[in-house]
Amino acid sequence: MGQGSQQRRAEETEEQRNSRLAVMGQRSQERRAEGTDEQRNSRLSAMVQHARERRLNVIEGQNQHQIQTFYAARTVLN
């Protein structure tokens, strides 16, 4: 920190200091909230992807069942 900055800090009143610290605290809280939003969005994205995969697995299972039923019926008819 430069001497000019140190001099200004020495001259600031307690009210100014408290105001500056409150602003710093608010910014810090906003950064934490942004991080939380990013984590939430990441979790939601993972949940959506997992749901898609589950649906695909169900569809694949249904298709496999239809194929087996088709071949079983074909075998019976032949």
PDB file of N, CA and C in Angstrom:
ATOM      1  N   MET A   1       0.844  -1.164   0.000  1.00  0.00           N
ATOM      2  CA  MET A   1       0.000   0.000   0.000  1.00  0.00           C
ATOM      3  C   MET A   1       0.895   1.235   0.000  1.00  0.00           C
ATOM      4  N   GLY A   2       0.586   2.230  -0.856  1.00  0.00           N
ATOM      5  CA  GLY A   2       1.412   3.427  -0.952  1.00  0.00           C
ATOM      6  C   GLY A   2       1.222   4.353   0.238  1.00  0.00           C
ATOM      7  N   GLN A   3       2.151   5.311   0.375  1.00  0.00           N
ATOM      8  CA  GLN A   3       2.082   6.228   1.518  1.00  0.00           C
ATOM      9  C   GLN A   3       0.835   7.101   1.468  1.00  0.00           C
ATOM     10  N   GLY A   4       0.454   7.526   0.272  1.00  0.00           N
ATOM     11  CA  GLY A   4      -0.744   8.369   0.140  1.00  0.00           C
ATOM     12  C   GLY A   4      -1.982   7.639   0.611  1.00  0.00           C
ATOM     13  N   SER A   5      -2.073   6.384   0.238  1.00  0.00           N
ATOM     14  CA  SER A   5      -3.215   5.562   0.646  1.00  0.00           C
ATOM     15  C   SER A   5      -3.214   5.359   2.157  1.00  0.00           C
ATOM     16  N   GLN A   6      -2.028   5.122   2.715  1.00  0.00           N
ATOM     17  CA  GLN A   6      -1.921   4.957   4.171  1.00  0.00           C
ATOM     18  C   GLN A   6      -2.335   6.240   4.883  1.00  0.00           C
ATOM     19  N   GLN A   7      -1.929   7.379   4.331  1.00  0.00           N
ATOM     20  CA  GLN A   7      -2.264   8.672   4.939  1.00  0.00           C
ATOM     21  C   GLN A   7      -3.777   8.880   4.922  1.00  0.00           C
ATOM     22  N   ARG A   8      -4.420   8.556   3.795  1.00  0.00           N
ATOM     23  CA  ARG A   8      -5.872   8.727   3.708  1.00  0.00           C
ATOM     24  C   ARG A   8      -6.583   7.816   4.705  1.00  0.00           C
ATOM     25  N   ARG A   9      -6.086   6.575   4.837  1.00  0.00           N
ATOM     26  CA  ARG A   9      -6.697   5.650   5.790  1.00  0.00           C
ATOM     27  C   ARG A   9      -6.561   6.187   7.215  1.00  0.00           C
ATOM     28  N   ALA A  10      -5.438   6.778   7.520  1.00  0.00           N
ATOM     29  CA  ALA A  10      -5.220   7.320   8.863  1.00  0.00           C
ATOM     30  C   ALA A  10      -6.181   8.475   9.126  1.00  0.00           C
ATOM     31  N   GLU A  11      -6.545   9.219   8.080  1.00  0.00           N
ATOM     32  CA  GLU A  11      -7.399  10.393   8.239  1.00  0.00           C
ATOM     33  C   GLU A  11      -8.891  10.060   8.189  1.00  0.00           C
ATOM     34  N   GLU A  12      -9.259   8.853   7.737  1.00  0.00           N
ATOM     35  CA  GLU A  12     -10.685   8.555   7.613  1.00  0.00           C
ATOM     36  C   GLU A  12     -11.335   8.432   8.992  1.00  0.00           C
ATOM     37  N   THR A  13     -12.572   8.846   9.065  1.00  0.00           N
ATOM     38  CA  THR A  13     -13.288   8.774  10.339  1.00  0.00           C
ATOM     39  C   THR A  13     -13.765   7.345  10.576  1.00  0.00           C
ATOM     40  N   GLU A  14     -14.190   7.088  11.799  1.00  0.00           N
ATOM     41  CA  GLU A  14     -14.702   5.755  12.129  1.00  0.00           C
ATOM     42  C   GLU A  14     -15.942   5.443  11.283  1.00  0.00           C
ATOM     43  N   GLU A  15     -16.770   6.461  11.048  1.00  0.00           N
ATOM     44  CA  GLU A  15     -17.972   6.265  10.228  1.00  0.00           C
ATOM     45  C   GLU A  15     -17.590   5.889   8.792  1.00  0.00           C
ATOM     46  N   GLN A  16     -16.587   6.578   8.250  1.00  0.00           N
ATOM     47  CA  GLN A  16     -16.125   6.257   6.894  1.00  0.00           C
ATOM     48  C   GLN A  16     -15.556   4.841   6.841  1.00  0.00           C
ATOM     49  N   ARG A  17     -14.801   4.492   7.868  1.00  0.00           N
ATOM     50  CA  ARG A  17     -14.204   3.155   7.924  1.00  0.00           C
ATOM     51  C   ARG A  17     -15.299   2.091   7.977  1.00  0.00           C
ATOM     52  N   ASN A  18     -16.295   2.317   8.839  1.00  0.00           N
ATOM     53  CA  ASN A  18     -17.389   1.359   8.945  1.00  0.00           C
ATOM     54  C   ASN A  18     -18.143   1.227   7.622  1.00  0.00           C
ATOM     55  N   SER A  19     -18.336   2.355   6.954  1.00  0.00           N
ATOM     56  CA  SER A  19     -19.020   2.335   5.659  1.00  0.00           C
ATOM     57  C   SER A  19     -18.212   1.544   4.634  1.00  0.00           C
ATOM     58  N   ARG A  20     -16.910   1.788   4.598  1.00  0.00           N
ATOM     59  CA  ARG A  20     -16.031   1.074   3.658  1.00  0.00           C
ATOM     60  C   ARG A  20     -16.047  -0.427   3.944  1.00  0.00           C
ATOM     61  N   LEU A  21     -15.977  -0.792   5.219  1.00  0.00           N
ATOM     62  CA  LEU A  21     -15.994  -2.207   5.583  1.00  0.00           C
ATOM     63  C   LEU A  21     -17.343  -2.846   5.256  1.00  0.00           C
ATOM     64  N   ALA A  22     -18.427  -2.090   5.422  1.00  0.00           N
ATOM     65  CA  ALA A  22     -19.757  -2.617   5.090  1.00  0.00           C
ATOM     66  C   ALA A  22     -19.858  -2.901   3.594  1.00  0.00           C
ATOM     67  N   VAL A  23     -19.318  -1.994   2.780  1.00  0.00           N
ATOM     68  CA  VAL A  23     -19.324  -2.200   1.325  1.00  0.00           C
ATOM     69  C   VAL A  23     -18.500  -3.435   0.971  1.00  0.00           C
ATOM     70  N   MET A  24     -17.343  -3.571   1.596  1.00  0.00           N
ATOM     71  CA  MET A  24     -16.500  -4.749   1.333  1.00  0.00           C
ATOM     72  C   MET A  24     -17.235  -6.031   1.718  1.00  0.00           C
ATOM     73  N   GLY A  25     -17.925  -6.006   2.859  1.00  0.00           N
ATOM     74  CA  GLY A  25     -18.676  -7.175   3.301  1.00  0.00           C
ATOM     75  C   GLY A  25     -19.800  -7.516   2.344  1.00  0.00           C
ATOM     76  N   GLN A  26     -20.488  -6.480   1.844  1.00  0.00           N
ATOM     77  CA  GLN A  26     -21.578  -6.690   0.887  1.00  0.00           C
ATOM     78  C   GLN A  26     -21.053  -7.318  -0.397  1.00  0.00           C
ATOM     79  N   ARG A  27     -19.940  -6.806  -0.895  1.00  0.00           N
ATOM     80  CA  ARG A  27     -19.352  -7.374  -2.120  1.00  0.00           C
ATOM     81  C   ARG A  27     -18.952  -8.830  -1.913  1.00  0.00           C
ATOM     82  N   SER A  28     -18.394  -9.110  -0.756  1.00  0.00           N
ATOM     83  CA  SER A  28     -17.991 -10.480  -0.441  1.00  0.00           C
ATOM     84  C   SER A  28     -19.210 -11.397  -0.410  1.00  0.00           C
ATOM     85  N   GLN A  29     -20.287 -10.913   0.194  1.00  0.00           N
ATOM     86  CA  GLN A  29     -21.520 -11.707   0.275  1.00  0.00           C
ATOM     87  C   GLN A  29     -22.081 -11.949  -1.130  1.00  0.00           C
ATOM     88  N   GLU A  30     -22.030 -10.928  -1.992  1.00  0.00           N
ATOM     89  CA  GLU A  30     -22.522 -11.083  -3.366  1.00  0.00           C
ATOM     90  C   GLU A  30     -21.697 -12.117  -4.129  1.00  0.00           C
ATOM     91  N   ARG A  31     -20.384 -12.104  -3.916  1.00  0.00           N
ATOM     92  CA  ARG A  31     -19.524 -13.098  -4.582  1.00  0.00           C
ATOM     93  C   ARG A  31     -19.873 -14.503  -4.117  1.00  0.00           C
ATOM     94  N   ARG A  32     -20.118 -14.651  -2.807  1.00  0.00           N
ATOM     95  CA  ARG A  32     -20.507 -15.970  -2.286  1.00  0.00           C
ATOM     96  C   ARG A  32     -21.840 -16.406  -2.889  1.00  0.00           C
ATOM     97  N   ALA A  33     -22.782 -15.478  -3.015  1.00  0.00           N
ATOM     98  CA  ALA A  33     -24.092 -15.804  -3.590  1.00  0.00           C
ATOM     99  C   ALA A  33     -23.937 -16.226  -5.044  1.00  0.00           C
ATOM    100  N   GLU A  34     -23.055 -15.546  -5.790  1.00  0.00           N
ATOM    101  CA  GLU A  34     -22.817 -15.926  -7.185  1.00  0.00           C
ATOM    102  C   GLU A  34     -22.259 -17.339  -7.263  1.00  0.00           C
ATOM    103  N   GLY A  35     -21.334 -17.646  -6.386  1.00  0.00           N
ATOM    104  CA  GLY A  35     -20.771 -18.997  -6.352  1.00  0.00           C
ATOM    105  C   GLY A  35     -21.850 -20.018  -6.056  1.00  0.00           C
ATOM    106  N   THR A  36     -22.753 -19.670  -5.147  1.00  0.00           N
ATOM    107  CA  THR A  36     -23.846 -20.570  -4.798  1.00  0.00           C
ATOM    108  C   THR A  36     -24.746 -20.788  -6.004  1.00  0.00           C
ATOM    109  N   ASP A  37     -25.060 -19.721  -6.751  1.00  0.00           N
ATOM    110  CA  ASP A  37     -25.879 -19.858  -7.961  1.00  0.00           C
ATOM    111  C   ASP A  37     -25.203 -20.771  -8.968  1.00  0.00           C
ATOM    112  N   GLU A  38     -23.896 -20.606  -9.139  1.00  0.00           N
ATOM    113  CA  GLU A  38     -23.166 -21.450 -10.089  1.00  0.00           C
ATOM    114  C   GLU A  38     -23.222 -22.909  -9.658  1.00  0.00           C
ATOM    115  N   GLN A  39     -23.059 -23.155  -8.361  1.00  0.00           N
ATOM    116  CA  GLN A  39     -23.126 -24.533  -7.857  1.00  0.00           C
ATOM    117  C   GLN A  39     -24.526 -25.100  -8.054  1.00  0.00           C
ATOM    118  N   ARG A  40     -25.546 -24.277  -7.794  1.00  0.00           N
ATOM    119  CA  ARG A  40     -26.934 -24.718  -7.962  1.00  0.00           C
ATOM    120  C   ARG A  40     -27.202 -25.052  -9.424  1.00  0.00           C
ATOM    121  N   ASN A  41     -26.775 -24.181 -10.323  1.00  0.00           N
ATOM    122  CA  ASN A  41     -26.971 -24.431 -11.750  1.00  0.00           C
ATOM    123  C   ASN A  41     -26.256 -25.695 -12.188  1.00  0.00           C
ATOM    124  N   SER A  42     -25.080 -25.928 -11.648  1.00  0.00           N
ATOM    125  CA  SER A  42     -24.328 -27.137 -11.981  1.00  0.00           C
ATOM    126  C   SER A  42     -25.079 -28.381 -11.511  1.00  0.00           C
ATOM    127  N   ARG A  43     -25.604 -28.314 -10.280  1.00  0.00           N
ATOM    128  CA  ARG A  43     -26.375 -29.463  -9.758  1.00  0.00           C
ATOM    129  C   ARG A  43     -27.624 -29.706 -10.594  1.00  0.00           C
ATOM    130  N   LEU A  44     -28.333 -28.628 -10.958  1.00  0.00           N
ATOM    131  CA  LEU A  44     -29.544 -28.782 -11.767  1.00  0.00           C
ATOM    132  C   LEU A  44     -29.215 -29.365 -13.132  1.00  0.00           C
ATOM    133  N   SER A  45     -28.125 -28.928 -13.720  1.00  0.00           N
ATOM    134  CA  SER A  45     -27.696 -29.460 -15.011  1.00  0.00           C
ATOM    135  C   SER A  45     -27.401 -30.948 -14.911  1.00  0.00           C
ATOM    136  N   ALA A  46     -26.734 -31.347 -13.838  1.00  0.00           N
ATOM    137  CA  ALA A  46     -26.431 -32.767 -13.636  1.00  0.00           C
ATOM    138  C   ALA A  46     -27.713 -33.569 -13.448  1.00  0.00           C
ATOM    139  N   MET A  47     -28.688 -32.997 -12.729  1.00  0.00           N
ATOM    140  CA  MET A  47     -29.965 -33.690 -12.528  1.00  0.00           C
ATOM    141  C   MET A  47     -30.700 -33.884 -13.855  1.00  0.00           C
ATOM    142  N   VAL A  48     -30.704 -32.854 -14.691  1.00  0.00           N
ATOM    143  CA  VAL A  48     -31.368 -32.942 -15.997  1.00  0.00           C
ATOM    144  C   VAL A  48     -30.699 -34.006 -16.851  1.00  0.00           C
ATOM    145  N   GLN A  49     -29.378 -34.010 -16.864  1.00  0.00           N
ATOM    146  CA  GLN A  49     -28.642 -35.000 -17.654  1.00  0.00           C
ATOM    147  C   GLN A  49     -28.952 -36.411 -17.165  1.00  0.00           C
ATOM    148  N   HIS A  50     -29.002 -36.588 -15.856  1.00  0.00           N
ATOM    149  CA  HIS A  50     -29.289 -37.905 -15.281  1.00  0.00           C
ATOM    150  C   HIS A  50     -30.705 -38.352 -15.673  1.00  0.00           C
ATOM    151  N   ALA A  51     -31.666 -37.425 -15.632  1.00  0.00           N
ATOM    152  CA  ALA A  51     -33.048 -37.748 -16.014  1.00  0.00           C
ATOM    153  C   ALA A  51     -33.112 -38.153 -17.485  1.00  0.00           C
ATOM    154  N   ARG A  52     -32.374 -37.451 -18.342  1.00  0.00           N
ATOM    155  CA  ARG A  52     -32.336 -37.809 -19.773  1.00  0.00           C
ATOM    156  C   ARG A  52     -31.797 -39.222 -19.960  1.00  0.00           C
ATOM    157  N   GLU A  53     -30.725 -39.516 -19.254  1.00  0.00           N
ATOM    158  CA  GLU A  53     -30.121 -40.850 -19.370  1.00  0.00           C
ATOM    159  C   GLU A  53     -31.086 -41.927 -18.890  1.00  0.00           C
ATOM    160  N   ARG A  54     -31.803 -41.636 -17.795  1.00  0.00           N
ATOM    161  CA  ARG A  54     -32.782 -42.608 -17.289  1.00  0.00           C
ATOM    162  C   ARG A  54     -33.882 -42.855 -18.311  1.00  0.00           C
ATOM    163  N   ARG A  55     -34.392 -41.762 -18.915  1.00  0.00           N
ATOM    164  CA  ARG A  55     -35.442 -41.911 -19.937  1.00  0.00           C
ATOM    165  C   ARG A  55     -34.933 -42.719 -21.115  1.00  0.00           C
ATOM    166  N   LEU A  56     -33.711 -42.454 -21.546  1.00  0.00           N
ATOM    167  CA  LEU A  56     -33.137 -43.221 -22.656  1.00  0.00           C
ATOM    168  C   LEU A  56     -33.021 -44.691 -22.299  1.00  0.00           C
ATOM    169  N   ASN A  57     -32.619 -44.981 -21.071  1.00  0.00           N
ATOM    170  CA  ASN A  57     -32.510 -46.374 -20.636  1.00  0.00           C
ATOM    171  C   ASN A  57     -33.869 -47.055 -20.650  1.00  0.00           C
ATOM    172  N   VAL A  58     -34.912 -46.342 -20.229  1.00  0.00           N
ATOM    173  CA  VAL A  58     -36.267 -46.907 -20.245  1.00  0.00           C
ATOM    174  C   VAL A  58     -36.685 -47.184 -21.680  1.00  0.00           C
ATOM    175  N   ILE A  59     -36.446 -46.225 -22.566  1.00  0.00           N
ATOM    176  CA  ILE A  59     -36.814 -46.398 -23.979  1.00  0.00           C
ATOM    177  C   ILE A  59     -36.053 -47.567 -24.584  1.00  0.00           C
ATOM    178  N   GLU A  60     -34.764 -47.662 -24.286  1.00  0.00           N
ATOM    179  CA  GLU A  60     -33.970 -48.783 -24.802  1.00  0.00           C
ATOM    180  C   GLU A  60     -34.518 -50.109 -24.294  1.00  0.00           C
ATOM    181  N   GLY A  61     -34.919 -50.144 -23.027  1.00  0.00           N
ATOM    182  CA  GLY A  61     -35.502 -51.358 -22.459  1.00  0.00           C
ATOM    183  C   GLY A  61     -36.804 -51.726 -23.144  1.00  0.00           C
ATOM    184  N   GLN A  62     -37.623 -50.715 -23.424  1.00  0.00           N
ATOM    185  CA  GLN A  62     -38.889 -50.963 -24.120  1.00  0.00           C
ATOM    186  C   GLN A  62     -38.628 -51.475 -25.530  1.00  0.00           C
ATOM    187  N   ASN A  63     -37.666 -50.861 -26.207  1.00  0.00           N
ATOM    188  CA  ASN A  63     -37.329 -51.303 -27.563  1.00  0.00           C
ATOM    189  C   ASN A  63     -36.821 -52.737 -27.549  1.00  0.00           C
ATOM    190  N   GLN A  64     -35.977 -53.045 -26.586  1.00  0.00           N
ATOM    191  CA  GLN A  64     -35.436 -54.402 -26.480  1.00  0.00           C
ATOM    192  C   GLN A  64     -36.565 -55.401 -26.248  1.00  0.00           C
ATOM    193  N   HIS A  65     -37.523 -55.018 -25.407  1.00  0.00           N
ATOM    194  CA  HIS A  65     -38.670 -55.892 -25.133  1.00  0.00           C
ATOM    195  C   HIS A  65     -39.490 -56.111 -26.409  1.00  0.00           C
ATOM    196  N   GLN A  66     -39.713 -55.044 -27.172  1.00  0.00           N
ATOM    197  CA  GLN A  66     -40.477 -55.169 -28.419  1.00  0.00           C
ATOM    198  C   GLN A  66     -39.758 -56.073 -29.412  1.00  0.00           C
ATOM    199  N   ILE A  67     -38.445 -55.937 -29.487  1.00  0.00           N
ATOM    200  CA  ILE A  67     -37.663 -56.785 -30.402  1.00  0.00           C
ATOM    201  C   ILE A  67     -37.768 -58.243 -29.974  1.00  0.00           C
ATOM    202  N   GLN A  68     -37.625 -58.501 -28.679  1.00  0.00           N
ATOM    203  CA  GLN A  68     -37.726 -59.879 -28.183  1.00  0.00           C
ATOM    204  C   GLN A  68     -39.116 -60.449 -28.445  1.00  0.00           C
ATOM    205  N   THR A  69     -40.147 -59.628 -28.227  1.00  0.00           N
ATOM    206  CA  THR A  69     -41.521 -60.077 -28.472  1.00  0.00           C
ATOM    207  C   THR A  69     -41.723 -60.386 -29.949  1.00  0.00           C
ATOM    208  N   PHE A  70     -41.185 -59.528 -30.805  1.00  0.00           N
ATOM    209  CA  PHE A  70     -41.300 -59.738 -32.250  1.00  0.00           C
ATOM    210  C   PHE A  70     -40.656 -61.059 -32.656  1.00  0.00           C
ATOM    211  N   TYR A  71     -39.426 -61.291 -32.198  1.00  0.00           N
ATOM    212  CA  TYR A  71     -38.732 -62.528 -32.575  1.00  0.00           C
ATOM    213  C   TYR A  71     -39.396 -63.756 -31.960  1.00  0.00           C
ATOM    214  N   ALA A  72     -39.927 -63.611 -30.744  1.00  0.00           N
ATOM    215  CA  ALA A  72     -40.629 -64.738 -30.120  1.00  0.00           C
ATOM    216  C   ALA A  72     -41.883 -65.071 -30.912  1.00  0.00           C
ATOM    217  N   ALA A  73     -42.632 -64.060 -31.333  1.00  0.00           N
ATOM    218  CA  ALA A  73     -43.846 -64.291 -32.122  1.00  0.00           C
ATOM    219  C   ALA A  73     -43.487 -64.879 -33.475  1.00  0.00           C
ATOM    220  N   ARG A  74     -42.428 -64.399 -34.066  1.00  0.00           N
ATOM    221  CA  ARG A  74     -41.990 -64.907 -35.369  1.00  0.00           C
ATOM    222  C   ARG A  74     -41.597 -66.380 -35.267  1.00  0.00           C
ATOM    223  N   THR A  75     -40.907 -66.717 -34.176  1.00  0.00           N
ATOM    224  CA  THR A  75     -40.481 -68.101 -33.963  1.00  0.00           C
ATOM    225  C   THR A  75     -41.702 -69.006 -33.806  1.00  0.00           C
ATOM    226  N   VAL A  76     -42.703 -68.536 -33.063  1.00  0.00           N
ATOM    227  CA  VAL A  76     -43.922 -69.325 -32.845  1.00  0.00           C
ATOM    228  C   VAL A  76     -44.662 -69.519 -34.161  1.00  0.00           C
ATOM    229  N   LEU A  77     -44.707 -68.485 -34.989  1.00  0.00           N
ATOM    230  CA  LEU A  77     -45.445 -68.566 -36.253  1.00  0.00           C
ATOM    231  C   LEU A  77     -44.729 -69.426 -37.285  1.00  0.00           C
ATOM    232  N   ASN A  78     -43.439 -69.602 -37.154  1.00  0.00           N
ATOM    233  CA  ASN A  78     -42.702 -70.397 -38.141  1.00  0.00           C
ATOM    234  C   ASN A  78     -42.709 -71.799 -37.772  1.00  0.00           C
TER     235      ASN A  78
END
